[in-house]
Amino acid sequence: MAIIKSAKKRIRSSEKKRIVNLRRLRTMKEETKKFLKLIVAKKIEDAQKILPKLYQSIDKAVKNGIIKKNNAARKKSRLTKKIVDLKKKK
C-alpha cells in the first residue's frame, strides 16, 4: 500500500485510466464481432454500414495506446478484405 500522497493519487489515476482502456478495447472487440457475424451471414450492405464505426473504434484504441499503429492497420486491412472477397464471390 502506498504511503506517500502522490503515490496514492497515482494509484487512483492509473485505475481510472485502466477502466477507460478496457472500455475502449471491449468496444473495439464487440464491433469486430458484430462485423464478422454480418460477414458470415453474407449481409454485405449491413457490414459496410458498420465498417466506419469499427474503423473509428480501432483508431481510438490506437490514439490511446491500447494497440499499436501497425496492428490497427493490419486489422483494418483484413476486415476490408473480407468484404471485398465476399463481393467477388457474389
Protein backbone atom coordinates (compact mmCIF):
# COMPACT_ATOMS: atom_id res chain seq x y z
CA MET A 1 0.00 0.00 0.00
CA ALA A 2 1.26 3.44 -0.91
CA ILE A 3 2.19 5.79 1.90
CA ILE A 4 3.09 8.98 0.06
CA LYS A 5 0.23 11.21 -1.01
CA SER A 6 1.38 11.45 -4.64
CA ALA A 7 1.69 7.66 -4.86
CA LYS A 8 -1.89 7.27 -3.65
CA LYS A 9 -3.05 9.75 -6.27
CA ARG A 10 -1.08 7.86 -8.93
CA ILE A 11 -2.86 4.62 -7.98
CA ARG A 12 -6.26 6.32 -8.27
CA SER A 13 -5.47 7.89 -11.65
CA SER A 14 -3.98 4.71 -13.11
CA GLU A 15 -7.08 2.76 -12.07
CA LYS A 16 -9.30 5.29 -13.89
CA LYS A 17 -7.12 5.04 -16.99
CA ARG A 18 -7.22 1.24 -16.83
CA ILE A 19 -11.02 1.27 -16.82
CA VAL A 20 -11.15 3.62 -19.81
CA ASN A 21 -8.63 1.47 -21.71
CA LEU A 22 -10.61 -1.69 -21.00
CA ARG A 23 -13.78 0.01 -22.21
CA ARG A 24 -12.12 1.06 -25.49
CA LEU A 25 -10.72 -2.43 -26.02
CA ARG A 26 -14.09 -4.04 -25.29
CA THR A 27 -15.84 -1.67 -27.69
CA MET A 28 -13.37 -2.49 -30.44
CA LYS A 29 -13.77 -6.23 -29.92
CA GLU A 30 -17.59 -6.02 -29.82
CA GLU A 31 -17.68 -4.02 -33.06
CA THR A 32 -15.38 -6.55 -34.69
CA LYS A 33 -17.60 -9.43 -33.61
CA LYS A 34 -20.71 -7.70 -34.98
CA PHE A 35 -18.93 -7.13 -38.27
CA LEU A 36 -17.73 -10.73 -38.55
CA LYS A 37 -21.22 -12.06 -37.80
CA LEU A 38 -22.59 -9.97 -40.66
CA ILE A 39 -19.85 -11.26 -42.96
CA VAL A 40 -20.68 -14.87 -42.07
CA ALA A 41 -24.36 -14.14 -42.70
CA LYS A 42 -23.32 -12.57 -46.05
CA LYS A 43 -25.02 -9.24 -45.31
CA ILE A 44 -22.62 -7.02 -47.25
CA GLU A 45 -24.65 -3.79 -47.03
CA ASP A 46 -25.02 -4.00 -43.25
CA ALA A 47 -21.34 -4.83 -42.85
CA GLN A 48 -20.37 -1.80 -44.92
CA LYS A 49 -22.54 0.42 -42.72
CA ILE A 50 -20.78 -0.84 -39.59
CA LEU A 51 -17.28 -0.53 -41.07
CA PRO A 52 -16.79 3.24 -40.40
CA LYS A 53 -17.78 2.81 -36.76
CA LEU A 54 -15.42 -0.13 -36.49
CA TYR A 55 -12.59 1.92 -38.00
CA GLN A 56 -13.36 4.69 -35.52
CA SER A 57 -13.12 2.35 -32.53
CA ILE A 58 -9.84 0.89 -33.83
CA ASP A 59 -8.41 4.38 -34.37
CA LYS A 60 -9.41 5.45 -30.87
CA ALA A 61 -7.65 2.40 -29.46
CA VAL A 62 -4.50 3.43 -31.33
CA LYS A 63 -4.77 7.02 -30.17
CA ASN A 64 -4.90 5.93 -26.54
CA GLY A 65 -2.06 3.46 -26.94
CA ILE A 66 -4.17 0.34 -26.39
CA ILE A 67 -2.98 -1.24 -29.64
CA LYS A 68 -0.12 -0.25 -31.92
CA LYS A 69 -0.47 1.59 -35.21
CA ASN A 70 0.60 -1.31 -37.43
CA ASN A 71 -1.68 -3.69 -35.54
CA ALA A 72 -4.61 -1.37 -36.29
CA ALA A 73 -3.63 -1.08 -39.94
CA ARG A 74 -3.46 -4.86 -40.21
CA LYS A 75 -6.89 -5.27 -38.57
CA LYS A 76 -8.50 -2.70 -40.86
CA SER A 77 -6.90 -4.23 -43.93
CA ARG A 78 -8.07 -7.74 -43.08
CA LEU A 79 -11.60 -6.62 -42.27
CA THR A 80 -11.88 -4.68 -45.52
CA LYS A 81 -10.51 -7.66 -47.42
CA LYS A 82 -13.32 -9.82 -46.05
CA ILE A 83 -15.91 -7.51 -47.64
CA VAL A 84 -14.03 -7.38 -50.94
CA ASP A 85 -13.74 -11.18 -51.06
CA LEU A 86 -17.42 -11.56 -50.24
CA LYS A 87 -18.35 -9.18 -53.06
CA LYS A 88 -16.21 -11.14 -55.53
CA LYS A 89 -17.98 -14.38 -54.65
CA LYS A 90 -21.39 -12.86 -55.41
